Amino acid sequence: MASIYLRLGNFQEAEELVILVVNKRREVLGEHHPDTLDSTGDLALTLSRIGRLRDAEELNVVVLKNWRHILGETHPYTLTAMSNLAVTYSRLGRLQEAEALKLEVLERQRKILGQNHPDTLLSMANLAVTYHHLGRFREAEVLEVAVLQGRKSSLGENHPDTMFTMSNLAFTYHKLERLQEAEDLGILVLEMRRNILGDNHPDTLFGMAKLAMTYGKLGRLQEAETMLVEAVKKLTDLLGHNHPTTLRAQSNLGSTLNKLERWKEAEDLLLPALEKQKNILSANHPHIMNTINSLAFTYTKLGKLKEAEDLNDALKRLEV
């Protein structure tokens, strides 16, 4: 049931149920029983989805250590735990650690499970996300095209995992300046998510925010602003002010307001977004660096040159 709630985007209900299961299994079966470890991994996944990334990391480390001890390095459960930890590293911005762990998992899964196994495809999709963060979009595209083909064949076009891959591929096209392809695929997946998941599902809202970024690049700033305002409001209601996805959409809205020359409104969004991102992400996370860059531009336009200079200096240190 907790897994279903997670799919539906009902994160609070998922967290409450999986905590109940973990506590009961610890009490009845013990800390190291496979069922307890399985539920603890589910809890780590839930915490990661709701933005509690450091808590998720701690649990993932414990689960991985125990699976390695009980089942060995190459068991599918161990590899899944490694993959989950790598995803958390990626979300935290610890990209080199994430890439190394994801590559190790993917190589083992290909040998043990085969290229088209769902777990292998998931690892390929996760590695592509890290390549996004690293700016290696052509490598991401190669993986995402392969994952999309495999998921369409095994899961169907309307499965949430397939739609997730379509959304990521649309974002890759955006970054590669293939904007018409990005828009076409982004619109398609957004409509599919609206029909299947509903207007207020987090995946739908995040897809809306990413499509808005493409509209911004195409110069359709009013459309971008309208979509981002809606996405930020609904994500805030669903996930809270401090969730990484909410903050990313808020930062993107600030950048759009910059392009509309509404500097003070942009500052009012970007400054709190940056402060909150600093509390939950690593210092050199790409989302933080994007927000710093946007806010420095805003300060320059507002005549706050000292603040802009300080941010640019900080950005240079992070890039090094």
Protein backbone atom coordinates (compact mmCIF):
# COMPACT_ATOMS: atom_id res chain seq x y z
CA MET A 1 0.00 0.00 0.00
CA ALA A 2 2.85 2.36 0.80
CA SER A 3 4.30 1.63 -2.63
CA ILE A 4 0.98 2.56 -4.25
CA TYR A 5 0.82 5.80 -2.27
CA LEU A 6 4.36 6.60 -3.46
CA ARG A 7 3.34 6.06 -7.08
CA LEU A 8 0.31 8.30 -6.57
CA GLY A 9 2.47 11.06 -5.12
CA ASN A 10 0.83 10.76 -1.68
CA PHE A 11 4.16 10.93 0.11
CA GLN A 12 2.87 11.64 3.62
CA GLU A 13 0.64 8.55 3.58
CA ALA A 14 3.48 6.45 2.14
CA GLU A 15 5.89 7.60 4.85
CA GLU A 16 3.46 6.88 7.69
CA LEU A 17 2.72 3.35 6.44
CA VAL A 18 6.27 2.33 5.71
CA ILE A 19 7.48 3.61 9.11
CA LEU A 20 4.78 1.47 10.72
CA VAL A 21 5.94 -1.59 8.76
CA VAL A 22 9.62 -1.01 9.55
CA ASN A 23 8.95 -0.62 13.28
CA LYS A 24 6.75 -3.73 13.45
CA ARG A 25 9.24 -5.85 11.51
CA ARG A 26 12.11 -4.67 13.68
CA GLU A 27 10.11 -5.62 16.75
CA VAL A 28 8.97 -9.04 15.51
CA LEU A 29 11.74 -10.15 13.13
CA GLY A 30 14.77 -8.15 14.24
CA GLU A 31 16.95 -5.44 12.71
CA HIS A 32 18.74 -7.67 10.19
CA HIS A 33 15.91 -9.86 8.89
CA PRO A 34 15.56 -9.63 5.08
CA ASP A 35 11.95 -8.39 5.35
CA THR A 36 13.04 -5.66 7.76
CA LEU A 37 15.85 -4.61 5.45
CA ASP A 38 13.46 -4.60 2.49
CA SER A 39 11.09 -2.25 4.33
CA THR A 40 13.97 -0.07 5.51
CA GLY A 41 15.01 0.32 1.87
CA ASP A 42 11.45 1.36 1.03
CA LEU A 43 11.59 3.95 3.81
CA ALA A 44 14.87 5.33 2.44
CA LEU A 45 13.28 5.60 -1.02
CA THR A 46 10.28 7.42 0.45
CA LEU A 47 12.46 9.86 2.39
CA SER A 48 14.44 10.58 -0.77
CA ARG A 49 11.24 11.35 -2.69
CA ILE A 50 10.02 13.78 -0.01
CA GLY A 51 13.36 15.60 0.01
CA ARG A 52 14.90 14.28 3.23
CA LEU A 53 18.05 13.31 1.40
CA ARG A 54 20.52 13.03 4.27
CA ASP A 55 18.14 10.80 6.24
CA ALA A 56 17.70 8.68 3.12
CA GLU A 57 21.47 8.41 2.71
CA GLU A 58 21.95 7.14 6.27
CA LEU A 59 19.32 4.43 5.83
CA ASN A 60 20.62 3.40 2.41
CA VAL A 61 24.14 2.96 3.80
CA VAL A 62 22.82 0.70 6.58
CA VAL A 63 20.70 -1.38 4.19
CA LEU A 64 23.55 -1.83 1.72
CA LYS A 65 25.98 -2.88 4.45
CA ASN A 66 23.57 -5.54 5.69
CA TRP A 67 22.66 -6.92 2.26
CA ARG A 68 26.37 -7.20 1.42
CA HIS A 69 26.94 -9.16 4.64
CA ILE A 70 23.94 -11.46 4.19
CA LEU A 71 23.75 -11.99 0.41
CA GLY A 72 27.09 -10.88 -1.03
CA GLU A 73 28.17 -8.24 -3.52
CA THR A 74 26.36 -9.51 -6.61
CA HIS A 75 22.91 -10.45 -5.32
CA PRO A 76 20.11 -8.44 -6.99
CA TYR A 77 19.00 -7.06 -3.60
CA THR A 78 22.51 -5.79 -2.93
CA LEU A 79 22.66 -4.20 -6.36
CA THR A 80 19.28 -2.52 -5.82
CA ALA A 81 20.55 -1.10 -2.51
CA MET A 82 23.68 0.18 -4.25
CA SER A 83 21.52 1.78 -6.93
CA ASN A 84 19.28 3.47 -4.35
CA LEU A 85 22.30 4.89 -2.54
CA ALA A 86 23.72 6.15 -5.83
CA VAL A 87 20.42 7.91 -6.65
CA THR A 88 20.55 9.65 -3.27
CA TYR A 89 24.14 10.73 -3.91
CA SER A 90 23.03 12.17 -7.25
CA ARG A 91 20.16 14.10 -5.65
CA LEU A 92 22.56 15.46 -3.05
CA GLY A 93 24.93 16.61 -5.79
CA ARG A 94 27.71 14.14 -4.96
CA LEU A 95 27.98 13.37 -8.64
CA GLN A 96 31.35 11.64 -8.89
CA GLU A 97 30.38 9.16 -6.17
CA ALA A 98 26.98 8.67 -7.81
CA GLU A 99 28.45 8.01 -11.26
CA ALA A 100 31.04 5.51 -9.99
CA LEU A 101 28.46 3.54 -8.01
CA LYS A 102 25.87 3.59 -10.81
CA LEU A 103 28.41 2.35 -13.37
CA GLU A 104 29.41 -0.49 -11.06
CA VAL A 105 25.79 -1.51 -10.55
CA LEU A 106 24.95 -1.29 -14.24
CA GLU A 107 27.91 -3.43 -15.29
CA ARG A 108 26.96 -6.17 -12.81
CA GLN A 109 23.27 -6.08 -13.71
CA ARG A 110 24.01 -6.39 -17.40
CA LYS A 111 26.08 -9.51 -16.72
CA ILE A 112 23.66 -11.09 -14.24
CA LEU A 113 20.20 -9.94 -15.36
CA GLY A 114 20.69 -8.94 -18.99
CA GLN A 115 20.35 -5.69 -20.93
CA ASN A 116 16.55 -5.53 -20.96
CA HIS A 117 15.75 -6.53 -17.37
CA PRO A 118 13.67 -3.85 -15.59
CA ASP A 119 16.38 -3.39 -12.95
CA THR A 120 19.03 -2.89 -15.64
CA LEU A 121 16.84 -0.36 -17.46
CA LEU A 122 16.25 1.49 -14.17
CA SER A 123 19.98 1.70 -13.57
CA MET A 124 20.53 3.04 -17.09
CA ALA A 125 17.84 5.69 -16.48
CA ASN A 126 19.42 6.64 -13.16
CA LEU A 127 22.87 6.95 -14.73
CA ALA A 128 21.40 9.22 -17.42
CA VAL A 129 20.09 11.55 -14.68
CA THR A 130 23.62 11.85 -13.26
CA TYR A 131 24.92 12.62 -16.75
CA HIS A 132 22.30 15.40 -16.86
CA HIS A 133 23.75 16.90 -13.70
CA LEU A 134 27.27 16.55 -15.07
CA GLY A 135 26.29 18.28 -18.33
CA ARG A 136 27.02 15.18 -20.41
CA PHE A 137 23.79 15.29 -22.38
CA ARG A 138 24.81 13.26 -25.42
CA GLU A 139 25.73 10.33 -23.16
CA ALA A 140 22.41 10.80 -21.37
CA GLU A 141 20.55 10.72 -24.69
CA VAL A 142 22.10 7.41 -25.75
CA LEU A 143 21.03 5.79 -22.49
CA GLU A 144 17.55 7.32 -22.47
CA VAL A 145 16.74 6.26 -26.03
CA ALA A 146 17.70 2.67 -25.14
CA VAL A 147 15.72 2.76 -21.89
CA LEU A 148 12.65 4.20 -23.63
CA GLN A 149 12.70 1.48 -26.25
CA GLY A 150 13.06 -1.23 -23.60
CA ARG A 151 10.33 0.18 -21.36
CA LYS A 152 7.87 0.66 -24.21
CA SER A 153 8.36 -3.01 -25.13
CA SER A 154 8.11 -4.42 -21.61
CA LEU A 155 5.85 -1.96 -19.75
CA GLY A 156 3.92 -0.13 -22.43
CA GLU A 157 3.81 3.54 -23.36
CA ASN A 158 1.45 4.57 -20.53
CA HIS A 159 3.46 3.13 -17.63
CA PRO A 160 4.82 5.79 -15.20
CA ASP A 161 8.39 4.55 -15.71
CA THR A 162 8.05 4.92 -19.48
CA MET A 163 6.64 8.42 -19.08
CA PHE A 164 9.48 9.28 -16.70
CA THR A 165 12.00 8.32 -19.38
CA MET A 166 10.12 10.31 -22.04
CA SER A 167 10.18 13.36 -19.77
CA ASN A 168 13.91 13.05 -19.14
CA LEU A 169 14.61 12.59 -22.86
CA ALA A 170 12.59 15.75 -23.60
CA PHE A 171 14.76 17.62 -21.08
CA THR A 172 17.89 16.22 -22.75
CA TYR A 173 16.68 17.54 -26.11
CA HIS A 174 16.12 20.90 -24.40
CA LYS A 175 19.72 20.97 -23.19
CA LEU A 176 21.00 19.91 -26.63
CA GLU A 177 19.12 22.89 -28.16
CA ARG A 178 16.81 20.54 -30.07
CA LEU A 179 13.92 22.65 -28.88
CA GLN A 180 11.18 21.51 -31.26
CA GLU A 181 11.81 17.87 -30.31
CA ALA A 182 11.88 18.90 -26.65
CA GLU A 183 8.57 20.72 -26.95
CA ASP A 184 6.82 17.96 -28.90
CA LEU A 185 7.90 15.22 -26.49
CA GLY A 186 7.31 17.42 -23.44
CA ILE A 187 3.73 18.20 -24.51
CA LEU A 188 3.05 14.53 -25.25
CA VAL A 189 4.26 13.27 -21.87
CA LEU A 190 2.51 16.10 -20.01
CA GLU A 191 -0.83 15.20 -21.58
CA MET A 192 -0.27 11.51 -20.84
CA ARG A 193 0.50 12.26 -17.21
CA ARG A 194 -2.54 14.51 -16.88
CA ASN A 195 -4.77 11.76 -18.26
CA ILE A 196 -3.24 8.91 -16.25
CA LEU A 197 -1.87 10.49 -13.04
CA GLY A 198 -3.99 13.64 -12.81
CA ASP A 199 -3.27 17.36 -12.92
CA ASN A 200 -1.87 17.52 -9.39
CA HIS A 201 0.51 14.56 -9.35
CA PRO A 202 4.14 15.60 -8.62
CA ASP A 203 5.34 13.98 -11.86
CA THR A 204 2.77 15.96 -13.85
CA LEU A 205 3.79 19.21 -12.17
CA PHE A 206 7.51 18.56 -12.63
CA GLY A 207 6.90 17.78 -16.30
CA MET A 208 5.01 21.06 -16.58
CA ALA A 209 7.94 22.93 -15.04
CA LYS A 210 10.42 21.34 -17.46
CA LEU A 211 8.22 22.12 -20.47
CA ALA A 212 8.03 25.72 -19.24
CA MET A 213 11.84 25.90 -19.41
CA THR A 214 11.66 24.94 -23.09
CA TYR A 215 9.04 27.65 -23.69
CA GLY A 216 11.41 30.10 -22.03
CA LYS A 217 14.20 29.16 -24.41
CA LEU A 218 11.81 29.56 -27.32
CA GLY A 219 11.02 33.09 -26.13
CA ARG A 220 7.47 32.23 -25.09
CA LEU A 221 7.97 33.83 -21.70
CA GLN A 222 4.36 34.50 -20.77
CA GLU A 223 3.46 30.85 -21.30
CA ALA A 224 6.52 29.80 -19.32
CA GLU A 225 5.61 32.11 -16.44
CA THR A 226 2.00 30.91 -16.30
CA MET A 227 3.03 27.26 -16.18
CA LEU A 228 5.75 27.82 -13.58
CA VAL A 229 3.49 29.86 -11.30
CA GLU A 230 0.97 27.00 -11.31
CA ALA A 231 3.69 24.38 -10.83
CA VAL A 232 5.33 26.21 -7.91
CA LYS A 233 2.00 26.76 -6.13
CA LYS A 234 0.86 23.15 -6.47
CA LEU A 235 4.30 21.67 -5.66
CA THR A 236 4.42 23.84 -2.54
CA ASP A 237 1.01 22.56 -1.49
CA LEU A 238 1.94 18.92 -2.17
CA LEU A 239 5.60 18.72 -1.17
CA GLY A 240 6.22 21.81 0.95
CA HIS A 241 8.40 24.91 0.63
CA ASN A 242 11.66 23.05 1.25
CA HIS A 243 11.42 20.15 -1.20
CA PRO A 244 14.18 20.11 -3.86
CA THR A 245 11.63 19.87 -6.69
CA THR A 246 9.66 22.85 -5.37
CA LEU A 247 12.85 24.88 -5.02
CA ARG A 248 14.02 23.98 -8.51
CA ALA A 249 10.71 25.13 -10.00
CA GLN A 250 10.86 28.31 -7.89
CA SER A 251 14.38 29.03 -9.15
CA ASN A 252 13.25 28.48 -12.75
CA LEU A 253 10.37 30.90 -12.21
CA GLY A 254 12.85 33.48 -10.88
CA SER A 255 14.99 33.03 -13.98
CA THR A 256 11.93 33.52 -16.19
CA LEU A 257 11.07 36.75 -14.36
CA ASN A 258 14.65 37.89 -15.03
CA LYS A 259 14.00 37.46 -18.74
CA LEU A 260 10.80 39.48 -18.32
CA GLU A 261 12.88 42.22 -16.62
CA ARG A 262 10.90 41.93 -13.38
CA TRP A 263 14.03 42.05 -11.26
CA LYS A 264 12.56 42.59 -7.77
CA GLU A 265 10.06 39.75 -8.15
CA ALA A 266 12.90 37.54 -9.36
CA GLU A 267 15.01 38.44 -6.31
CA ASP A 268 12.11 37.64 -3.97
CA LEU A 269 11.97 34.11 -5.40
CA LEU A 270 15.65 33.38 -5.99
CA LEU A 271 17.09 34.50 -2.66
CA PRO A 272 14.93 32.24 -0.43
CA ALA A 273 15.27 29.38 -2.91
CA LEU A 274 19.06 29.61 -2.68
CA GLU A 275 19.09 29.70 1.12
CA LYS A 276 16.89 26.60 1.32
CA GLN A 277 18.85 24.72 -1.35
CA LYS A 278 22.04 25.32 0.64
CA ASN A 279 20.45 23.52 3.60
CA ILE A 280 19.54 20.33 1.73
CA LEU A 281 21.96 19.96 -1.20
CA SER A 282 25.72 19.81 -1.49
CA ALA A 283 27.42 23.16 -2.09
CA ASN A 284 28.29 22.44 -5.72
CA HIS A 285 24.96 20.88 -6.73
CA PRO A 286 23.99 22.02 -10.26
CA HIS A 287 20.65 23.37 -9.00
CA ILE A 288 22.43 25.59 -6.47
CA MET A 289 24.86 26.83 -9.10
CA ASN A 290 22.00 27.67 -11.48
CA THR A 291 20.22 29.62 -8.75
CA ILE A 292 23.41 31.50 -7.83
CA ASN A 293 23.96 32.44 -11.46
CA SER A 294 20.37 33.71 -11.83
CA LEU A 295 20.49 35.67 -8.58
CA ALA A 296 23.83 37.27 -9.47
CA PHE A 297 22.29 38.45 -12.74
CA THR A 298 19.30 39.84 -10.81
CA TYR A 299 21.56 41.74 -8.40
CA THR A 300 23.46 43.25 -11.31
CA LYS A 301 20.23 44.52 -12.86
CA LEU A 302 19.10 45.90 -9.48
CA GLY A 303 22.40 47.77 -9.05
CA LYS A 304 23.46 45.58 -6.10
CA LEU A 305 26.92 45.17 -7.55
CA LYS A 306 28.70 44.05 -4.37
CA GLU A 307 26.17 41.25 -3.83
CA ALA A 308 26.49 40.23 -7.48
CA GLU A 309 30.29 40.18 -7.24
CA ASP A 310 30.20 38.05 -4.08
CA LEU A 311 27.90 35.52 -5.75
CA ASN A 312 30.02 35.36 -8.90
CA ASP A 313 33.12 34.76 -6.78
CA ALA A 314 31.31 31.98 -4.93
CA LEU A 315 30.24 30.45 -8.25
CA LYS A 316 33.83 30.46 -9.53
CA ARG A 317 35.00 28.65 -6.39
CA LEU A 318 32.29 26.02 -6.80
CA GLU A 319 33.15 25.48 -10.46
CA VAL A 320 36.77 24.86 -9.51
